[in-house]
Amino acid sequence: MRLRSTPSDQRLLAATRAGDADAFGCFFARHSEVVLGFVRRRVGSADLAADLTSETFAAALLAVHRGRAQAVPDGAAWLSGIARHKIIDCYREGRLQDQAREQLQLAQIALENTDLAAIDRLAGTEPRLHSALDQLSAEERAAIVERVVLERSYSEIADDAHDSEAAVRKRVSRGLARLRKEMGVQTK
């Protein structure tokens, strides 16, 4: 199948499904830097970001061939959603926590109780929030994502992390306290 010089994302994905490998190559070239940047800002590690970006495009290709990408008007938004799920999966698997702990040669941190109301006050401040999240340790960031974003219970997070519920509560609490400080949020 011959494609126009600037085909839409939807057209590239349709051509990919029809068997045109070059179409997916074009789709990849168009969006790979955006996806890599999106993932890198969230995970920190360049190596891990590259791995998760590859996993994102592999999942996208599978979705195309399974017929789940027939109405994708904006490839960047679609890929960002897939990448977000890959990052969440990565947190769940504990890859980030283990990698950071090994690199820093740190033992697991015992932290204090949490105050989730602070996250609600941070809504609508995404750029500042991402910058503040970058200041947290990988363990704190992962715990906050699991508890606040994914709304998982402390016991579920502790089971997955092979840690105590108290340690998870303290990790979330310390992370939220650091977020409040980084964001300049005053608490009573």
Foldseek 3Di string as FASTA:
>chain_A
DDDDPDDFLLVLLLVVLVPDPVSLVVVCVVALVVQLVLQCLQQVDSVVSVVLSVVLSVVVSVCSNVVNRNDDRDSNVVSSVSSVVSVLVCLLQVVSVVVQCVVVVHDQDQAAAADLVLVVVCPPVVVLLSVLLVPARSLLSSLCCVCPVVVDQLVSSCVSVVHDSRRSRGSPRVSSVSSCVSSVNDDD
